N, C-alpha and C. Protein backbone atom coordinates (compact mmCIF):
# COMPACT_ATOMS: atom_id res chain seq x y z
N MET A 1 -11.04 36.74 27.27
CA MET A 1 -11.28 37.97 26.52
C MET A 1 -12.73 38.19 26.36
N ALA A 2 -13.21 39.41 26.43
CA ALA A 2 -14.57 39.83 26.34
C ALA A 2 -14.78 40.94 25.35
N ASN A 3 -16.00 40.98 24.78
CA ASN A 3 -16.36 42.15 23.87
C ASN A 3 -17.04 43.14 24.85
N ILE A 4 -16.39 44.28 24.91
CA ILE A 4 -16.88 45.39 25.83
C ILE A 4 -17.30 46.58 24.95
N LEU A 5 -18.52 47.12 25.25
CA LEU A 5 -19.00 48.27 24.59
C LEU A 5 -18.90 49.48 25.48
N ALA A 6 -18.20 50.46 25.19
CA ALA A 6 -18.05 51.73 25.99
C ALA A 6 -18.78 52.86 25.31
N ILE A 7 -19.76 53.46 26.00
CA ILE A 7 -20.51 54.56 25.43
C ILE A 7 -20.36 55.76 26.31
N ASP A 8 -19.82 56.84 25.76
CA ASP A 8 -19.62 58.06 26.41
C ASP A 8 -19.37 59.16 25.39
N ASP A 9 -19.85 60.39 25.66
CA ASP A 9 -19.70 61.48 24.71
C ASP A 9 -18.38 62.15 24.80
N ASP A 10 -17.60 61.74 25.86
CA ASP A 10 -16.28 62.27 26.06
C ASP A 10 -15.24 61.40 25.48
N LEU A 11 -14.65 61.83 24.36
CA LEU A 11 -13.79 60.96 23.61
C LEU A 11 -12.46 60.65 24.35
N GLU A 12 -12.05 61.52 25.29
CA GLU A 12 -10.83 61.26 26.02
C GLU A 12 -11.08 60.12 27.07
N ILE A 13 -12.38 60.14 27.65
CA ILE A 13 -12.70 59.04 28.54
C ILE A 13 -12.72 57.62 27.81
N LEU A 14 -13.33 57.79 26.58
CA LEU A 14 -13.39 56.56 25.77
C LEU A 14 -11.99 55.98 25.44
N ALA A 15 -11.12 56.94 25.17
CA ALA A 15 -9.67 56.52 24.81
C ALA A 15 -9.01 55.83 26.08
N VAL A 16 -9.21 56.39 27.24
CA VAL A 16 -8.69 55.85 28.41
C VAL A 16 -9.25 54.41 28.71
N ILE A 17 -10.54 54.27 28.60
CA ILE A 17 -11.22 52.97 28.82
C ILE A 17 -10.70 51.98 27.80
N LYS A 18 -10.63 52.32 26.53
CA LYS A 18 -10.13 51.41 25.49
C LYS A 18 -8.74 50.94 25.79
N LYS A 19 -7.85 51.84 26.05
CA LYS A 19 -6.48 51.53 26.29
C LYS A 19 -6.32 50.68 27.51
N ALA A 20 -7.07 50.93 28.61
CA ALA A 20 -6.91 50.19 29.93
C ALA A 20 -7.46 48.72 29.70
N LEU A 21 -8.52 48.53 29.05
CA LEU A 21 -9.18 47.28 28.97
C LEU A 21 -8.58 46.42 27.86
N GLU A 22 -8.06 47.04 26.79
CA GLU A 22 -7.38 46.24 25.80
C GLU A 22 -6.10 45.71 26.35
N LYS A 23 -5.47 46.34 27.33
CA LYS A 23 -4.29 45.83 27.91
C LYS A 23 -4.64 44.55 28.73
N GLU A 24 -5.86 44.37 29.15
CA GLU A 24 -6.36 43.22 29.86
C GLU A 24 -6.73 42.08 28.85
N GLY A 25 -6.59 42.36 27.57
CA GLY A 25 -6.96 41.37 26.53
C GLY A 25 -8.31 41.39 25.97
N HIS A 26 -9.11 42.42 26.39
CA HIS A 26 -10.48 42.51 25.89
C HIS A 26 -10.60 43.33 24.64
N MET A 27 -11.67 43.13 23.88
CA MET A 27 -11.93 43.83 22.64
C MET A 27 -12.93 44.92 23.02
N VAL A 28 -12.56 46.17 22.72
CA VAL A 28 -13.32 47.25 23.16
C VAL A 28 -13.85 48.11 22.02
N SER A 29 -15.20 48.16 21.95
CA SER A 29 -15.80 49.05 20.87
C SER A 29 -16.36 50.30 21.54
N CYS A 30 -16.07 51.48 20.97
CA CYS A 30 -16.44 52.73 21.56
C CYS A 30 -17.56 53.44 20.76
N CYS A 31 -18.43 54.14 21.43
CA CYS A 31 -19.56 54.86 20.81
C CYS A 31 -19.71 56.21 21.58
N SER A 32 -19.74 57.25 20.83
CA SER A 32 -19.89 58.60 21.44
C SER A 32 -21.25 59.20 21.10
N ASP A 33 -22.07 58.55 20.30
CA ASP A 33 -23.35 58.99 19.84
C ASP A 33 -24.31 57.89 19.73
N LEU A 34 -25.29 57.88 20.64
CA LEU A 34 -26.23 56.71 20.67
C LEU A 34 -26.99 56.57 19.34
N GLU A 35 -27.21 57.57 18.63
CA GLU A 35 -28.01 57.49 17.39
C GLU A 35 -27.15 56.84 16.31
N LYS A 36 -25.82 56.69 16.51
CA LYS A 36 -25.04 56.01 15.51
C LYS A 36 -24.56 54.66 15.97
N LEU A 37 -25.08 54.24 17.11
CA LEU A 37 -24.70 52.84 17.65
C LEU A 37 -25.25 51.78 16.75
N GLN A 38 -24.33 50.88 16.37
CA GLN A 38 -24.74 49.75 15.51
C GLN A 38 -25.39 48.67 16.34
N GLN A 39 -26.51 48.18 15.84
CA GLN A 39 -27.22 47.08 16.56
C GLN A 39 -26.33 45.83 16.81
N ALA A 40 -25.47 45.52 15.85
CA ALA A 40 -24.62 44.40 15.93
C ALA A 40 -23.71 44.48 17.14
N LYS A 41 -23.11 45.71 17.35
CA LYS A 41 -22.25 45.93 18.47
C LYS A 41 -23.02 45.80 19.82
N LEU A 42 -24.18 46.26 19.81
CA LEU A 42 -25.09 46.22 21.00
C LEU A 42 -25.40 44.79 21.44
N VAL A 43 -25.78 43.84 20.54
CA VAL A 43 -26.22 42.54 20.92
C VAL A 43 -25.05 41.64 21.13
N SER A 44 -23.86 41.99 20.59
CA SER A 44 -22.69 41.07 20.75
C SER A 44 -21.84 41.37 21.91
N CYS A 45 -22.08 42.39 22.69
CA CYS A 45 -21.23 42.79 23.73
C CYS A 45 -21.38 41.87 24.98
N ASP A 46 -20.38 41.63 25.72
CA ASP A 46 -20.43 40.85 26.93
C ASP A 46 -20.53 41.74 28.21
N LEU A 47 -20.30 43.01 28.02
CA LEU A 47 -20.42 43.96 29.14
C LEU A 47 -20.46 45.41 28.53
N MET A 48 -21.34 46.21 29.08
CA MET A 48 -21.51 47.62 28.60
C MET A 48 -21.22 48.61 29.63
N LEU A 49 -20.30 49.54 29.25
CA LEU A 49 -20.03 50.70 30.16
C LEU A 49 -20.79 51.89 29.46
N LEU A 50 -21.69 52.53 30.34
CA LEU A 50 -22.59 53.49 29.78
C LEU A 50 -22.61 54.77 30.54
N ASP A 51 -22.28 55.89 29.86
CA ASP A 51 -22.31 57.19 30.55
C ASP A 51 -23.80 57.60 30.72
N VAL A 52 -24.05 58.25 31.84
CA VAL A 52 -25.44 58.67 32.11
C VAL A 52 -25.77 59.97 31.32
N MET A 53 -24.90 60.96 31.45
CA MET A 53 -25.17 62.29 30.83
C MET A 53 -24.72 62.33 29.40
N MET A 54 -25.61 61.78 28.56
CA MET A 54 -25.37 61.72 27.13
C MET A 54 -26.24 62.79 26.50
N PRO A 55 -25.76 63.39 25.26
CA PRO A 55 -26.65 64.27 24.64
C PRO A 55 -27.78 63.62 23.93
N ASN A 56 -28.92 64.33 23.79
CA ASN A 56 -30.11 63.83 23.09
C ASN A 56 -30.90 62.79 23.86
N LYS A 57 -30.20 61.75 24.35
CA LYS A 57 -30.84 60.65 25.15
C LYS A 57 -29.91 60.28 26.23
N ASP A 58 -30.43 60.33 27.45
CA ASP A 58 -29.54 60.03 28.65
C ASP A 58 -29.41 58.52 28.78
N GLY A 59 -28.31 58.10 29.52
CA GLY A 59 -28.05 56.72 29.73
C GLY A 59 -29.21 55.94 30.40
N PHE A 60 -29.88 56.59 31.30
CA PHE A 60 -31.02 55.97 32.08
C PHE A 60 -32.09 55.52 30.99
N THR A 61 -32.44 56.45 30.10
CA THR A 61 -33.47 56.10 29.15
C THR A 61 -32.99 55.02 28.18
N PHE A 62 -31.73 55.08 27.71
CA PHE A 62 -31.16 54.06 26.84
C PHE A 62 -31.16 52.68 27.53
N CYS A 63 -30.73 52.67 28.76
CA CYS A 63 -30.70 51.37 29.48
C CYS A 63 -32.06 50.80 29.69
N ARG A 64 -33.06 51.57 29.92
CA ARG A 64 -34.46 51.01 30.10
C ARG A 64 -34.93 50.48 28.75
N GLU A 65 -34.53 51.12 27.62
CA GLU A 65 -34.98 50.71 26.23
C GLU A 65 -34.36 49.32 25.89
N VAL A 66 -33.12 49.07 26.26
CA VAL A 66 -32.40 47.92 25.72
C VAL A 66 -32.25 46.80 26.73
N ARG A 67 -32.69 47.05 27.98
CA ARG A 67 -32.49 46.04 29.03
C ARG A 67 -33.15 44.75 28.70
N ASN A 68 -34.32 44.68 28.13
CA ASN A 68 -34.96 43.36 27.87
C ASN A 68 -34.33 42.61 26.70
N SER A 69 -33.62 43.33 25.86
CA SER A 69 -32.99 42.59 24.72
C SER A 69 -31.43 42.41 24.94
N VAL A 70 -30.86 43.04 25.90
CA VAL A 70 -29.43 42.93 26.18
C VAL A 70 -29.26 42.25 27.55
N ASP A 71 -28.60 41.13 27.58
CA ASP A 71 -28.53 40.28 28.83
C ASP A 71 -27.17 40.55 29.50
N CYS A 72 -26.25 41.32 28.93
CA CYS A 72 -24.99 41.49 29.57
C CYS A 72 -25.00 42.46 30.69
N PRO A 73 -23.98 42.53 31.65
CA PRO A 73 -23.99 43.54 32.69
C PRO A 73 -23.88 44.90 32.05
N ILE A 74 -24.62 45.88 32.66
CA ILE A 74 -24.46 47.25 32.29
C ILE A 74 -23.97 48.05 33.43
N LEU A 75 -22.85 48.65 33.33
CA LEU A 75 -22.18 49.49 34.32
C LEU A 75 -22.32 50.96 33.94
N PHE A 76 -23.00 51.77 34.80
CA PHE A 76 -23.05 53.18 34.54
C PHE A 76 -21.71 53.88 34.87
N ILE A 77 -21.30 54.85 34.11
CA ILE A 77 -20.17 55.64 34.37
C ILE A 77 -20.69 57.03 34.62
N THR A 78 -20.63 57.59 35.76
CA THR A 78 -21.45 58.80 36.05
C THR A 78 -20.89 59.62 37.22
N ALA A 79 -21.13 60.87 37.12
CA ALA A 79 -20.83 61.80 38.26
C ALA A 79 -22.09 62.06 39.10
N LYS A 80 -23.21 61.46 38.76
CA LYS A 80 -24.47 61.63 39.43
C LYS A 80 -24.43 60.55 40.52
N THR A 81 -24.10 60.98 41.76
CA THR A 81 -23.79 59.97 42.81
C THR A 81 -24.84 60.08 43.98
N LEU A 82 -25.84 60.87 43.83
CA LEU A 82 -26.83 61.04 44.87
C LEU A 82 -27.57 59.64 44.99
N ASP A 83 -28.07 59.35 46.16
CA ASP A 83 -28.68 58.04 46.38
C ASP A 83 -29.90 57.86 45.49
N LYS A 84 -30.66 58.92 45.18
CA LYS A 84 -31.81 58.81 44.39
C LYS A 84 -31.42 58.49 43.00
N ASP A 85 -30.23 58.92 42.51
CA ASP A 85 -29.83 58.72 41.13
C ASP A 85 -29.35 57.26 41.01
N LEU A 86 -28.66 56.78 42.06
CA LEU A 86 -28.21 55.40 42.07
C LEU A 86 -29.40 54.46 42.06
N GLU A 87 -30.33 54.78 42.89
CA GLU A 87 -31.50 53.92 43.04
C GLU A 87 -32.32 53.83 41.69
N PHE A 88 -32.40 55.08 41.04
CA PHE A 88 -33.16 55.06 39.80
C PHE A 88 -32.42 54.24 38.72
N GLY A 89 -31.07 54.35 38.74
CA GLY A 89 -30.26 53.63 37.73
C GLY A 89 -30.40 52.10 37.90
N PHE A 90 -30.45 51.58 39.18
CA PHE A 90 -30.69 50.22 39.32
C PHE A 90 -32.09 49.75 38.92
N SER A 91 -33.06 50.62 39.08
CA SER A 91 -34.46 50.35 38.79
C SER A 91 -34.67 50.20 37.20
N VAL A 92 -33.76 50.86 36.43
CA VAL A 92 -33.94 50.75 35.02
C VAL A 92 -33.05 49.66 34.37
N GLY A 93 -32.31 48.97 35.24
CA GLY A 93 -31.57 47.81 34.79
C GLY A 93 -30.09 47.80 34.96
N ALA A 94 -29.49 48.80 35.57
CA ALA A 94 -28.08 48.80 35.79
C ALA A 94 -27.62 47.69 36.73
N ASP A 95 -26.46 47.25 36.50
CA ASP A 95 -25.82 46.23 37.41
C ASP A 95 -24.87 46.84 38.43
N ASP A 96 -24.29 47.96 38.05
CA ASP A 96 -23.29 48.58 38.93
C ASP A 96 -23.03 49.98 38.48
N TYR A 97 -22.25 50.77 39.26
CA TYR A 97 -21.79 52.15 38.94
C TYR A 97 -20.28 52.26 39.09
N ILE A 98 -19.82 53.03 38.22
CA ILE A 98 -18.41 53.56 38.34
C ILE A 98 -18.47 54.96 38.38
N LYS A 99 -18.03 55.59 39.52
CA LYS A 99 -18.25 56.99 39.73
C LYS A 99 -17.10 57.84 39.14
N LYS A 100 -17.37 58.87 38.40
CA LYS A 100 -16.37 59.78 37.88
C LYS A 100 -15.93 60.74 39.01
N PRO A 101 -14.64 61.05 39.04
CA PRO A 101 -13.52 60.40 38.26
C PRO A 101 -13.22 59.08 38.84
N PHE A 102 -12.82 58.17 37.95
CA PHE A 102 -12.45 56.82 38.48
C PHE A 102 -11.00 56.45 38.12
N SER A 103 -10.47 55.51 38.81
CA SER A 103 -9.10 55.12 38.59
C SER A 103 -9.11 53.88 37.58
N ILE A 104 -8.02 53.70 36.93
CA ILE A 104 -7.85 52.59 36.00
C ILE A 104 -7.95 51.21 36.80
N THR A 105 -7.44 51.20 38.00
CA THR A 105 -7.43 50.05 38.89
C THR A 105 -8.95 49.69 39.17
N GLU A 106 -9.74 50.66 39.54
CA GLU A 106 -11.11 50.41 39.84
C GLU A 106 -11.90 49.94 38.64
N LEU A 107 -11.65 50.62 37.52
CA LEU A 107 -12.30 50.22 36.27
C LEU A 107 -12.01 48.76 35.94
N ARG A 108 -10.71 48.36 35.93
CA ARG A 108 -10.44 46.95 35.58
C ARG A 108 -11.05 46.00 36.63
N ALA A 109 -11.00 46.39 37.88
CA ALA A 109 -11.51 45.42 38.97
C ALA A 109 -12.96 45.15 38.83
N ARG A 110 -13.77 46.28 38.56
CA ARG A 110 -15.21 46.14 38.46
C ARG A 110 -15.61 45.33 37.17
N VAL A 111 -14.93 45.69 36.13
CA VAL A 111 -15.20 44.93 34.88
C VAL A 111 -14.92 43.44 35.06
N SER A 112 -13.75 43.16 35.60
CA SER A 112 -13.35 41.73 35.84
C SER A 112 -14.36 40.96 36.73
N ALA A 113 -14.83 41.71 37.86
CA ALA A 113 -15.76 41.09 38.71
C ALA A 113 -17.08 40.70 38.01
N HIS A 114 -17.53 41.62 37.26
CA HIS A 114 -18.86 41.35 36.55
C HIS A 114 -18.67 40.30 35.39
N LEU A 115 -17.59 40.32 34.80
CA LEU A 115 -17.40 39.27 33.73
C LEU A 115 -17.28 37.84 34.36
N ARG A 116 -16.60 37.82 35.51
CA ARG A 116 -16.56 36.46 36.22
C ARG A 116 -17.92 36.09 36.67
N ARG A 117 -18.75 36.97 37.17
CA ARG A 117 -20.04 36.60 37.66
C ARG A 117 -20.92 36.19 36.49
N GLN A 118 -20.81 36.96 35.36
CA GLN A 118 -21.53 36.65 34.15
C GLN A 118 -21.26 35.25 33.67
N SER A 119 -19.94 34.89 33.72
CA SER A 119 -19.49 33.61 33.26
C SER A 119 -20.07 32.49 34.09
N ARG A 120 -20.12 32.69 35.43
CA ARG A 120 -20.74 31.70 36.32
C ARG A 120 -22.22 31.54 36.03
N GLU A 121 -22.87 32.66 35.84
CA GLU A 121 -24.35 32.63 35.67
C GLU A 121 -24.75 31.95 34.31
N HIS A 122 -23.88 32.12 33.30
CA HIS A 122 -24.20 31.49 32.09
C HIS A 122 -24.23 29.92 32.12
N HIS A 123 -23.62 29.39 33.24
CA HIS A 123 -23.67 27.91 33.37
C HIS A 123 -24.94 27.50 34.07
N THR A 124 -25.67 28.43 34.66
CA THR A 124 -26.90 28.09 35.40
C THR A 124 -28.17 28.78 34.81
N GLN A 125 -27.90 29.73 33.85
CA GLN A 125 -29.06 30.40 33.29
C GLN A 125 -29.05 30.39 31.80
N LEU A 126 -30.13 30.39 31.15
CA LEU A 126 -30.30 30.50 29.75
C LEU A 126 -31.34 31.54 29.43
N VAL A 127 -31.04 32.56 28.62
CA VAL A 127 -31.95 33.63 28.33
C VAL A 127 -32.27 33.62 26.93
N ASN A 128 -33.54 33.75 26.62
CA ASN A 128 -34.09 33.89 25.24
C ASN A 128 -35.14 35.02 25.22
N GLY A 129 -34.71 36.19 24.76
CA GLY A 129 -35.70 37.38 24.83
C GLY A 129 -36.03 37.70 26.18
N LYS A 130 -37.29 37.63 26.56
CA LYS A 130 -37.83 37.96 27.89
C LYS A 130 -37.93 36.72 28.76
N PHE A 131 -37.58 35.53 28.18
CA PHE A 131 -37.59 34.29 28.96
C PHE A 131 -36.27 34.07 29.52
N ARG A 132 -36.29 33.59 30.80
CA ARG A 132 -35.03 33.23 31.49
C ARG A 132 -35.21 31.92 32.21
N PHE A 133 -34.36 30.95 31.79
CA PHE A 133 -34.35 29.57 32.41
C PHE A 133 -33.39 29.52 33.43
N ASN A 134 -33.78 29.18 34.70
CA ASN A 134 -32.93 28.91 35.80
C ASN A 134 -32.62 27.40 35.77
N LEU A 135 -31.49 27.00 35.21
CA LEU A 135 -31.22 25.59 34.85
C LEU A 135 -31.06 24.78 36.24
N SER A 136 -30.49 25.48 37.23
CA SER A 136 -30.12 24.75 38.50
C SER A 136 -31.46 24.50 39.26
N ALA A 137 -32.38 25.51 39.25
CA ALA A 137 -33.66 25.37 40.00
C ALA A 137 -34.70 24.80 39.14
N ARG A 138 -34.40 24.63 37.84
CA ARG A 138 -35.46 24.20 36.89
C ARG A 138 -36.72 24.98 36.96
N GLU A 139 -36.52 26.26 36.75
CA GLU A 139 -37.64 27.23 36.75
C GLU A 139 -37.60 28.16 35.46
N LEU A 140 -38.68 28.54 35.00
CA LEU A 140 -38.77 29.41 33.83
C LEU A 140 -39.44 30.71 34.28
N TYR A 141 -38.79 31.84 33.85
CA TYR A 141 -39.28 33.14 34.23
C TYR A 141 -39.57 33.91 32.96
N TYR A 142 -40.57 34.79 33.04
CA TYR A 142 -40.82 35.73 31.93
C TYR A 142 -40.84 37.15 32.49
N GLU A 143 -39.90 37.95 32.07
CA GLU A 143 -39.67 39.30 32.69
C GLU A 143 -39.55 39.19 34.25
N ASP A 144 -38.88 38.20 34.68
CA ASP A 144 -38.62 37.96 36.14
C ASP A 144 -39.89 37.52 36.88
N LYS A 145 -40.91 37.09 36.22
CA LYS A 145 -42.17 36.52 36.80
C LYS A 145 -42.07 35.02 36.58
N LEU A 146 -42.21 34.23 37.63
CA LEU A 146 -42.15 32.77 37.57
C LEU A 146 -43.36 32.30 36.76
N ILE A 147 -43.09 31.48 35.75
CA ILE A 147 -44.20 30.76 35.14
C ILE A 147 -44.30 29.32 35.79
N LYS A 148 -45.50 29.08 36.24
CA LYS A 148 -45.67 27.87 37.03
C LYS A 148 -45.91 26.64 36.06
N LEU A 149 -44.80 25.85 35.87
CA LEU A 149 -44.85 24.68 35.07
C LEU A 149 -44.73 23.46 35.91
N THR A 150 -45.23 22.38 35.42
CA THR A 150 -45.03 21.06 36.05
C THR A 150 -43.63 20.62 35.70
N LYS A 151 -43.07 19.58 36.35
CA LYS A 151 -41.71 19.26 36.07
C LYS A 151 -41.56 18.71 34.62
N SER A 152 -42.54 17.99 34.16
CA SER A 152 -42.58 17.52 32.78
C SER A 152 -42.61 18.68 31.74
N GLU A 153 -43.44 19.69 32.01
CA GLU A 153 -43.63 20.75 31.17
C GLU A 153 -42.29 21.55 31.09
N TYR A 154 -41.63 21.74 32.29
CA TYR A 154 -40.37 22.48 32.25
C TYR A 154 -39.33 21.71 31.47
N ARG A 155 -39.21 20.41 31.67
CA ARG A 155 -38.16 19.60 31.00
C ARG A 155 -38.39 19.71 29.42
N ILE A 156 -39.63 19.76 29.02
CA ILE A 156 -39.90 19.85 27.59
C ILE A 156 -39.37 21.22 27.04
N CYS A 157 -39.78 22.36 27.85
CA CYS A 157 -39.34 23.67 27.47
C CYS A 157 -37.88 23.73 27.38
N GLU A 158 -37.17 23.30 28.42
CA GLU A 158 -35.72 23.39 28.53
C GLU A 158 -35.05 22.63 27.32
N PHE A 159 -35.52 21.41 27.04
CA PHE A 159 -34.98 20.67 25.90
C PHE A 159 -35.17 21.47 24.54
N LEU A 160 -36.41 22.01 24.32
CA LEU A 160 -36.57 22.77 23.10
C LEU A 160 -35.78 23.99 22.97
N ILE A 161 -35.63 24.76 24.10
CA ILE A 161 -34.81 25.97 24.04
C ILE A 161 -33.32 25.75 23.85
N GLN A 162 -32.90 24.65 24.45
CA GLN A 162 -31.49 24.27 24.28
C GLN A 162 -31.16 23.79 22.88
N ASN A 163 -32.27 23.42 22.12
CA ASN A 163 -32.03 22.96 20.68
C ASN A 163 -32.89 23.94 19.83
N ARG A 164 -32.91 25.17 20.17
CA ARG A 164 -33.73 26.20 19.44
C ARG A 164 -33.60 26.07 17.98
N GLY A 165 -34.73 26.12 17.27
CA GLY A 165 -34.73 26.09 15.82
C GLY A 165 -34.77 24.81 15.19
N GLN A 166 -34.48 23.66 16.01
CA GLN A 166 -34.50 22.31 15.56
C GLN A 166 -35.89 21.71 15.68
N VAL A 167 -36.30 20.94 14.79
CA VAL A 167 -37.73 20.37 14.87
C VAL A 167 -37.54 18.90 15.42
N PHE A 168 -38.47 18.60 16.37
CA PHE A 168 -38.44 17.27 17.06
C PHE A 168 -39.77 16.64 16.97
N SER A 169 -39.86 15.32 16.56
CA SER A 169 -41.09 14.60 16.57
C SER A 169 -41.45 14.34 17.99
N LEU A 170 -42.75 13.87 18.23
CA LEU A 170 -43.24 13.52 19.52
C LEU A 170 -42.36 12.39 20.13
N GLU A 171 -42.03 11.44 19.24
CA GLU A 171 -41.25 10.29 19.67
C GLU A 171 -39.86 10.78 20.11
N GLN A 172 -39.19 11.65 19.37
CA GLN A 172 -37.94 12.16 19.71
C GLN A 172 -37.96 12.91 21.05
N ILE A 173 -39.02 13.70 21.34
CA ILE A 173 -39.15 14.41 22.57
C ILE A 173 -39.26 13.39 23.74
N ILE A 174 -40.03 12.34 23.58
CA ILE A 174 -40.18 11.36 24.59
C ILE A 174 -38.82 10.76 24.84
N GLU A 175 -38.04 10.34 23.81
CA GLU A 175 -36.73 9.69 23.99
C GLU A 175 -35.72 10.65 24.66
N LYS A 176 -35.62 11.89 24.12
CA LYS A 176 -34.58 12.84 24.53
C LYS A 176 -34.89 13.40 25.94
N VAL A 177 -36.15 13.63 26.26
CA VAL A 177 -36.50 14.31 27.55
C VAL A 177 -36.78 13.30 28.59
N PHE A 178 -37.41 12.20 28.30
CA PHE A 178 -37.89 11.26 29.31
C PHE A 178 -37.20 9.96 29.30
N GLY A 179 -36.46 9.61 28.24
CA GLY A 179 -35.77 8.37 28.18
C GLY A 179 -36.49 7.28 27.52
N TYR A 180 -35.78 6.18 27.12
CA TYR A 180 -36.32 5.10 26.36
C TYR A 180 -37.46 4.40 27.20
N ASP A 181 -37.26 4.39 28.49
CA ASP A 181 -38.23 3.60 29.35
C ASP A 181 -39.38 4.46 29.86
N ALA A 182 -39.55 5.61 29.29
CA ALA A 182 -40.56 6.52 29.72
C ALA A 182 -41.94 5.96 29.59
N GLU A 183 -42.83 6.24 30.49
CA GLU A 183 -44.21 5.80 30.37
C GLU A 183 -45.07 6.73 29.52
N SER A 184 -44.53 8.01 29.21
CA SER A 184 -45.27 8.92 28.39
C SER A 184 -45.41 8.41 27.03
N ASP A 185 -46.54 8.84 26.39
CA ASP A 185 -46.79 8.54 24.99
C ASP A 185 -47.05 9.80 24.27
N SER A 186 -47.31 9.63 22.98
CA SER A 186 -47.52 10.83 22.15
C SER A 186 -48.65 11.73 22.56
N SER A 187 -49.74 11.14 22.99
CA SER A 187 -50.87 11.95 23.45
C SER A 187 -50.50 12.77 24.70
N THR A 188 -49.76 12.15 25.58
CA THR A 188 -49.27 12.76 26.76
C THR A 188 -48.42 14.01 26.50
N ILE A 189 -47.44 13.88 25.48
CA ILE A 189 -46.65 14.97 25.12
C ILE A 189 -47.45 16.11 24.43
N ARG A 190 -48.44 15.69 23.63
CA ARG A 190 -49.30 16.73 22.95
C ARG A 190 -50.06 17.52 24.14
N GLU A 191 -50.49 16.83 25.14
CA GLU A 191 -51.28 17.54 26.28
C GLU A 191 -50.28 18.45 26.97
N HIS A 192 -49.05 17.93 27.21
CA HIS A 192 -48.08 18.87 27.86
C HIS A 192 -47.85 20.12 27.12
N ILE A 193 -47.68 19.95 25.76
CA ILE A 193 -47.32 21.09 24.96
C ILE A 193 -48.59 22.04 24.88
N LYS A 194 -49.74 21.49 24.87
CA LYS A 194 -50.98 22.31 24.90
C LYS A 194 -51.03 23.16 26.17
N ASN A 195 -50.66 22.52 27.37
CA ASN A 195 -50.63 23.27 28.60
C ASN A 195 -49.61 24.29 28.62
N ILE A 196 -48.47 23.95 28.08
CA ILE A 196 -47.29 24.92 28.09
C ILE A 196 -47.72 26.15 27.27
N ARG A 197 -48.30 25.91 26.08
CA ARG A 197 -48.69 27.06 25.23
C ARG A 197 -49.69 27.93 25.94
N ALA A 198 -50.67 27.35 26.67
CA ALA A 198 -51.68 28.16 27.33
C ALA A 198 -51.01 29.07 28.43
N LYS A 199 -50.04 28.48 29.15
CA LYS A 199 -49.40 29.27 30.21
C LYS A 199 -48.49 30.38 29.55
N LEU A 200 -47.81 30.05 28.45
CA LEU A 200 -46.93 31.15 27.78
C LEU A 200 -47.76 32.18 27.10
N LYS A 201 -48.99 31.73 26.62
CA LYS A 201 -49.88 32.67 25.90
C LYS A 201 -50.34 33.74 26.96
N ASN A 202 -50.41 33.41 28.19
CA ASN A 202 -50.79 34.38 29.26
C ASN A 202 -49.74 35.46 29.33
N CYS A 203 -48.56 35.20 28.84
CA CYS A 203 -47.43 36.18 28.81
C CYS A 203 -47.41 36.90 27.52
N GLY A 204 -48.37 36.55 26.59
CA GLY A 204 -48.32 37.25 25.25
C GLY A 204 -47.34 36.57 24.26
N GLU A 205 -46.85 35.39 24.60
CA GLU A 205 -45.76 34.79 23.76
C GLU A 205 -46.22 33.40 23.27
N SER A 206 -45.78 33.03 22.08
CA SER A 206 -46.09 31.70 21.55
C SER A 206 -44.79 31.14 20.83
N PRO A 207 -43.78 30.81 21.68
CA PRO A 207 -42.49 30.40 21.18
C PRO A 207 -42.42 28.98 20.61
N ILE A 208 -43.39 28.09 20.92
CA ILE A 208 -43.36 26.77 20.41
C ILE A 208 -44.17 26.65 19.22
N GLU A 209 -43.48 26.32 18.14
CA GLU A 209 -44.18 26.26 16.81
C GLU A 209 -44.42 24.80 16.36
N THR A 210 -45.57 24.56 15.80
CA THR A 210 -45.82 23.28 15.29
C THR A 210 -45.43 23.25 13.81
N VAL A 211 -44.59 22.26 13.53
CA VAL A 211 -44.16 22.00 12.06
C VAL A 211 -44.98 20.82 11.61
N TRP A 212 -46.02 21.08 10.80
CA TRP A 212 -47.00 20.11 10.52
C TRP A 212 -46.39 18.87 9.81
N GLY A 213 -46.79 17.71 10.29
CA GLY A 213 -46.29 16.45 9.81
C GLY A 213 -44.97 16.03 10.33
N ILE A 214 -44.31 16.92 11.11
CA ILE A 214 -42.99 16.62 11.69
C ILE A 214 -42.95 16.64 13.19
N GLY A 215 -43.28 17.83 13.75
CA GLY A 215 -43.18 17.92 15.20
C GLY A 215 -43.22 19.33 15.68
N TYR A 216 -42.34 19.64 16.64
CA TYR A 216 -42.38 20.94 17.30
C TYR A 216 -40.95 21.53 17.43
N LYS A 217 -40.87 22.88 17.45
CA LYS A 217 -39.62 23.51 17.70
C LYS A 217 -39.95 24.83 18.51
N TRP A 218 -38.86 25.26 19.17
CA TRP A 218 -38.83 26.57 19.87
C TRP A 218 -38.30 27.56 18.85
N LYS A 219 -39.15 28.56 18.50
CA LYS A 219 -38.78 29.51 17.44
C LYS A 219 -37.52 30.31 17.78
């Protein structure tokens, strides 16, 4: 079961989407006016169905505005099927298109495919704001730009983000990240964190916070 957000100014289309996907066991929230969209519904959805031709603000503009804060698949529902429209939609962050008029079979199939893919990716990726950790490749990206970290620097970042909000002493970081038999000492960890902060500062970010007298945490 997934939380799906459907956005369209056509109430009949929203009713069709809601009925079709709820039969698949999903929870479907509907919105016909972007100005009345609740932030809680936006950030909690697992997949978004977004009409392009919306009043006041079109779907392309809305997608561009929320793409950095919304990690779920965004599927445009649109009658705009020219190549230039499709290309522009992908450039602002769309994952796929469902062309109007669409069949219930196609709707269910595309939604299911993207939810399966999203489920697989969540096992190999971890997203925090504009940061994206590729857990299998052990790489950290900021807005899809690779941040060049050493292996030790990456391991510290991954450990802190996976335990976001928790404070760890230097000794705990050594034990949890490098093991009991690690050759690293407190001064080495401090130097690693100093280097990490310098690299992340180049992105305009400072996610690692010092809790004086205790240790460090990822905010």
